[in-house]
Protein backbone atom coordinates (compact mmCIF):
# COMPACT_ATOMS: atom_id res chain seq x y z
CA UNK A 1 0.00 0.00 0.00
CA UNK A 2 2.95 2.34 0.65
CA UNK A 3 3.95 1.95 -2.98
CA UNK A 4 0.45 2.99 -4.10
CA UNK A 5 0.64 6.17 -2.05
CA UNK A 6 4.09 6.72 -3.52
CA UNK A 7 2.60 6.54 -7.00
CA UNK A 8 -0.13 9.02 -6.08
CA UNK A 9 2.50 11.33 -4.62
CA UNK A 10 4.60 11.11 -7.77
CA UNK A 11 1.51 11.79 -9.95
CA UNK A 12 0.61 14.79 -7.79
CA UNK A 13 4.13 16.19 -8.03
CA UNK A 14 4.17 15.53 -11.77
CA UNK A 15 0.96 17.49 -12.26
CA UNK A 16 2.31 20.32 -10.13
CA UNK A 17 5.62 20.40 -12.01
CA UNK A 18 3.89 20.58 -15.41
CA UNK A 19 1.59 23.31 -14.13
CA UNK A 20 4.54 25.36 -12.85
CA UNK A 21 6.31 24.89 -16.18
CA UNK A 22 3.24 25.87 -18.21
CA UNK A 23 2.74 29.04 -16.15
CA UNK A 24 6.45 29.86 -16.58
CA UNK A 25 6.13 29.38 -20.36
CA UNK A 26 3.06 31.63 -20.41
CA UNK A 27 5.10 34.35 -18.72
CA UNK A 28 7.69 34.15 -21.50
CA UNK A 29 4.99 35.12 -23.99
CA UNK A 30 3.50 31.78 -25.06
CA UNK A 31 -0.23 31.28 -25.25
CA UNK A 32 -1.83 29.39 -22.37
CA UNK A 33 -2.95 26.36 -24.37
CA UNK A 34 0.33 26.17 -26.29
CA UNK A 35 2.29 26.39 -23.03
CA UNK A 36 0.31 23.55 -21.45
CA UNK A 37 0.74 21.40 -24.54
CA UNK A 38 4.50 21.97 -24.72
CA UNK A 39 4.93 21.38 -20.97
CA UNK A 40 3.08 18.06 -21.12
CA UNK A 41 4.93 17.04 -24.29
CA UNK A 42 8.32 17.74 -22.70
CA UNK A 43 7.41 16.04 -19.43
CA UNK A 44 6.21 12.87 -21.14
CA UNK A 45 8.96 12.92 -23.75
CA UNK A 46 6.45 12.97 -26.62
CA UNK A 47 8.56 15.52 -28.47
CA UNK A 48 6.06 16.85 -30.99
CA UNK A 49 7.71 18.74 -33.86
CA UNK A 50 5.66 21.88 -34.36
CA UNK A 51 6.23 25.58 -34.94
CA UNK A 52 5.57 26.10 -31.23
CA UNK A 53 8.36 23.64 -30.42
CA UNK A 54 10.71 25.68 -32.60
CA UNK A 55 9.69 28.79 -30.66
CA UNK A 56 10.67 26.97 -27.45
CA UNK A 57 14.06 25.84 -28.76
CA UNK A 58 14.95 29.28 -30.12
CA UNK A 59 14.10 31.03 -26.81
CA UNK A 60 16.81 30.62 -24.12
CA UNK A 61 14.46 30.88 -21.11
CA UNK A 62 11.89 28.50 -22.59
CA UNK A 63 14.64 26.08 -23.57
CA UNK A 64 15.90 26.04 -19.99
CA UNK A 65 12.41 25.45 -18.59
CA UNK A 66 11.77 22.57 -20.99
CA UNK A 67 15.19 21.01 -20.32
CA UNK A 68 14.48 20.79 -16.58
CA UNK A 69 10.97 19.55 -17.33
CA UNK A 70 12.30 16.71 -19.50
CA UNK A 71 14.69 15.66 -16.74
CA UNK A 72 11.95 15.76 -14.11
CA UNK A 73 9.63 13.81 -16.40
CA UNK A 74 12.09 10.98 -16.94
CA UNK A 75 12.70 10.63 -13.20
CA UNK A 76 9.01 10.89 -12.29
CA UNK A 77 7.70 8.39 -14.82
CA UNK A 78 10.37 5.80 -13.98
CA UNK A 79 9.71 6.20 -10.25
CA UNK A 80 5.94 5.90 -10.66
CA UNK A 81 6.14 2.77 -12.81
CA UNK A 82 8.66 1.12 -10.49
CA UNK A 83 6.56 1.85 -7.40
CA UNK A 84 3.39 0.57 -9.05
CA UNK A 85 5.05 -2.64 -10.20
CA UNK A 86 6.54 -3.34 -6.78
CA UNK A 87 3.19 -2.64 -5.13
CA UNK A 88 1.41 -5.43 -6.99
CA UNK A 89 4.32 -7.87 -7.00
CA UNK A 90 4.55 -7.71 -3.19
CA UNK A 91 0.85 -8.52 -2.76
CA UNK A 92 0.53 -11.60 -4.98
CA UNK A 93 -1.89 -14.19 -3.62
CA UNK A 94 -3.57 -11.78 -1.19
CA UNK A 95 -6.69 -9.60 -1.44
CA UNK A 96 -4.35 -6.63 -1.20
CA UNK A 97 -4.05 -5.94 -4.94
CA UNK A 98 -7.77 -5.19 -5.25
CA UNK A 99 -7.64 -2.77 -2.33
CA UNK A 100 -4.52 -1.16 -3.75
CA UNK A 101 -6.15 -0.88 -7.16
CA UNK A 102 -9.22 0.76 -5.62
CA UNK A 103 -7.11 3.26 -3.67
CA UNK A 104 -5.08 4.04 -6.79
CA UNK A 105 -8.17 4.55 -8.96
CA UNK A 106 -9.84 6.72 -6.31
CA UNK A 107 -6.71 8.80 -5.81
CA UNK A 108 -6.26 9.41 -9.53
CA UNK A 109 -9.96 10.32 -9.91
CA UNK A 110 -9.60 12.86 -7.09
CA UNK A 111 -6.49 14.35 -8.68
CA UNK A 112 -8.27 14.67 -12.04
CA UNK A 113 -11.23 16.38 -10.35
CA UNK A 114 -8.96 18.86 -8.56
CA UNK A 115 -6.91 19.54 -11.70
CA UNK A 116 -10.07 20.36 -13.69
CA UNK A 117 -11.36 22.82 -11.09
CA UNK A 118 -11.36 26.41 -12.37
CA UNK A 119 -11.10 27.72 -8.79
CA UNK A 120 -8.03 25.60 -8.08
CA UNK A 121 -6.48 26.55 -11.43
CA UNK A 122 -6.98 30.27 -10.82
CA UNK A 123 -5.50 30.29 -7.32
CA UNK A 124 -2.70 27.88 -8.21
CA UNK A 125 -1.65 30.03 -11.18
CA UNK A 126 -1.59 33.10 -8.96
CA UNK A 127 0.57 31.32 -6.39
CA UNK A 128 2.95 30.02 -9.06
CA UNK A 129 3.21 33.46 -10.67
CA UNK A 130 4.05 35.02 -7.31
CA UNK A 131 6.68 32.36 -6.61
CA UNK A 132 8.25 32.75 -10.06
CA UNK A 133 8.52 36.49 -9.61
CA UNK A 134 9.83 36.15 -6.07
CA UNK A 135 12.38 33.35 -6.42
CA UNK A 136 13.41 33.25 -10.10
CA UNK A 137 14.62 35.63 -12.79
CA UNK A 138 11.79 34.68 -15.15
CA UNK A 139 9.66 37.64 -16.22
CA UNK A 140 6.56 36.67 -14.25
CA UNK A 141 4.12 39.10 -15.79
CA UNK A 142 1.03 37.75 -17.44
CA UNK A 143 1.05 39.61 -20.74
CA UNK A 144 -2.31 38.16 -21.75
CA UNK A 145 -3.85 39.88 -18.72
CA UNK A 146 -1.82 43.09 -19.11
CA UNK A 147 -2.88 43.46 -22.75
CA UNK A 148 -6.47 42.43 -22.00
CA UNK A 149 -6.36 39.69 -24.63
CA UNK A 150 -10.07 39.07 -24.52
CA UNK A 151 -13.29 40.55 -25.94
CA UNK A 152 -11.81 40.27 -29.46
CA UNK A 153 -8.54 42.00 -28.49
CA UNK A 154 -5.46 40.01 -29.38
CA UNK A 155 -1.97 39.93 -30.83
CA UNK A 156 -1.84 38.63 -34.40
CA UNK A 157 0.61 38.47 -37.25
CA UNK A 158 -0.21 39.60 -40.76
CA UNK A 159 1.80 38.62 -43.82
CA UNK A 160 2.01 41.32 -46.51
CA UNK A 161 1.58 39.90 -50.00
CA UNK A 162 2.13 41.65 -53.32
CA UNK A 163 -0.98 43.64 -54.17
CA UNK A 164 -2.17 43.96 -50.56
CA UNK A 165 -3.67 47.22 -49.38
CA UNK A 166 -0.75 47.76 -46.99
CA UNK A 167 2.03 46.98 -49.47
CA UNK A 168 4.22 49.99 -50.31
CA UNK A 169 2.66 52.28 -47.68
CA UNK A 170 4.38 53.85 -44.72
CA UNK A 171 2.81 53.31 -41.32
CA UNK A 172 1.73 56.96 -41.35
CA UNK A 173 -0.01 56.52 -44.72
CA UNK A 174 -1.69 53.29 -43.61
CA UNK A 175 -3.07 54.96 -40.49
CA UNK A 176 -3.58 51.70 -38.64
CA UNK A 177 -3.42 53.45 -35.27
CA UNK A 178 -6.49 55.47 -36.24
CA UNK A 179 -8.28 52.14 -36.72
CA UNK A 180 -7.22 51.00 -33.25
CA UNK A 181 -4.43 48.73 -34.50
CA UNK A 182 -0.93 49.08 -33.03
CA UNK A 183 2.09 47.82 -34.95
CA UNK A 184 4.33 46.20 -32.34
CA UNK A 185 7.00 45.11 -34.78
CA UNK A 186 7.87 44.13 -38.34
CA UNK A 187 9.75 40.98 -39.25
CA UNK A 188 11.52 41.49 -42.58
CA UNK A 189 12.07 38.72 -45.16
CA UNK A 190 15.79 38.50 -44.33
CA UNK A 191 15.01 37.70 -40.70
CA UNK A 192 15.70 41.14 -39.20
CA UNK A 193 13.12 42.60 -36.82
CA UNK A 194 12.04 46.21 -36.38
CA UNK A 195 10.57 46.73 -32.94
CA UNK A 196 8.14 49.61 -32.34
CA UNK A 197 8.63 50.90 -35.91
CA UNK A 198 8.49 54.63 -36.64
CA UNK A 199 5.69 56.22 -38.63
CA UNK A 200 7.93 56.66 -41.70
CA UNK A 201 8.70 52.91 -41.86
CA UNK A 202 7.62 51.46 -45.21
CA UNK A 203 5.63 48.26 -45.29
CA UNK A 204 7.03 45.97 -47.98
CA UNK A 205 6.03 42.73 -49.64
CA UNK A 206 6.70 39.61 -47.55
CA UNK A 207 6.97 41.62 -44.32
CA UNK A 208 5.26 40.03 -41.32
CA UNK A 209 3.54 42.60 -39.12
CA UNK A 210 2.99 41.91 -35.43
CA UNK A 211 -0.24 43.71 -34.56
CA UNK A 212 -2.28 44.37 -31.44
CA UNK A 213 -5.93 45.25 -31.61
CA UNK A 214 -9.29 43.74 -32.43
CA UNK A 215 -8.67 40.47 -34.24
CA UNK A 216 -11.76 40.93 -36.40
CA UNK A 217 -10.37 44.27 -37.61
CA UNK A 218 -6.93 42.75 -38.32
CA UNK A 219 -8.60 40.00 -40.36
CA UNK A 220 -10.53 42.63 -42.35
CA UNK A 221 -7.33 44.58 -43.08
CA UNK A 222 -5.73 41.38 -44.36
CA UNK A 223 -8.56 41.06 -46.93
CA UNK A 224 -8.38 44.64 -48.25
CA UNK A 225 -7.22 45.41 -51.75
CA UNK A 226 -5.72 48.73 -52.93
CA UNK A 227 -8.76 50.27 -54.63
CA UNK A 228 -11.56 52.67 -53.77
CA UNK A 229 -13.26 49.96 -51.75
CA UNK A 230 -10.15 49.51 -49.63
CA UNK A 231 -10.01 53.24 -48.87
CA UNK A 232 -13.68 53.27 -47.96
CA UNK A 233 -13.12 50.32 -45.62
CA UNK A 234 -10.26 52.23 -43.97
CA UNK A 235 -12.36 55.35 -43.37
CA UNK A 236 -15.24 53.26 -42.06
CA UNK A 237 -12.86 51.46 -39.68
CA UNK A 238 -11.52 54.79 -38.39
CA UNK A 239 -15.06 56.00 -37.68
CA UNK A 240 -15.96 52.72 -36.00
CA UNK A 241 -12.86 52.88 -33.78
CA UNK A 242 -13.74 56.40 -32.67
CA UNK A 243 -17.21 55.22 -31.71
CA UNK A 244 -15.90 52.16 -29.84
CA UNK A 245 -13.22 54.20 -28.06
CA UNK A 246 -15.87 56.73 -27.00
CA UNK A 247 -18.11 53.96 -25.67
CA UNK A 248 -15.19 52.39 -23.74
CA UNK A 249 -14.24 55.74 -22.22
CA UNK A 250 -17.85 56.34 -21.19
CA UNK A 251 -18.02 52.89 -19.60
CA UNK A 252 -14.83 53.67 -17.69
CA UNK A 253 -16.22 57.00 -16.49
CA UNK A 254 -13.74 59.15 -18.42
């Protein structure tokens, strides 16, 4: 029976370790779901090859988090399997295995219930964020919360293709800020990156724009073509943003 409780302890610690790692990855700028997926993949050694995995490998802090997670996963899985095997081998020929199996199943069911609780998740994430900021050098700010990435607000990338409405314009000419869209950076075809670009920066073909604003508006800009209809859509978007901004200020009492 001691081995069964050892397994439950290892499972509990494993779940806690992956949760800590996923919160740490979120604080490096990864999305919440992507961070959880990568943390579980690294812990179990699944090693999925995706664009998100490349983002982990190319980021020094994320790479360090995942490296420790892989080590902890190998130790935890081996320990759990060894303890479980010894538990049932030691109780051959006795009614003990059925009791042990019942305790194990009940313990795992309880852990799954706790792990799926929104209340537990919210308070655990807060505690982990506080601990990361207090005891590590990881930037423990939740950028999703700081940028209010909800209610259609988000960070998106937009690829500029030949013939797009944005192609060949400067940021001042495009006037995206007047539509409520902020250009956080521009990744050029050669791999160079322009952070917080100036208004006189020209948008060129095959540039990848990193934008913050309403995702529905960013999607509409991506569909525009450089004709009279595109200009009308721009002016309509500017007017709509003024109205939305006025409503948001009124709701905030300003």
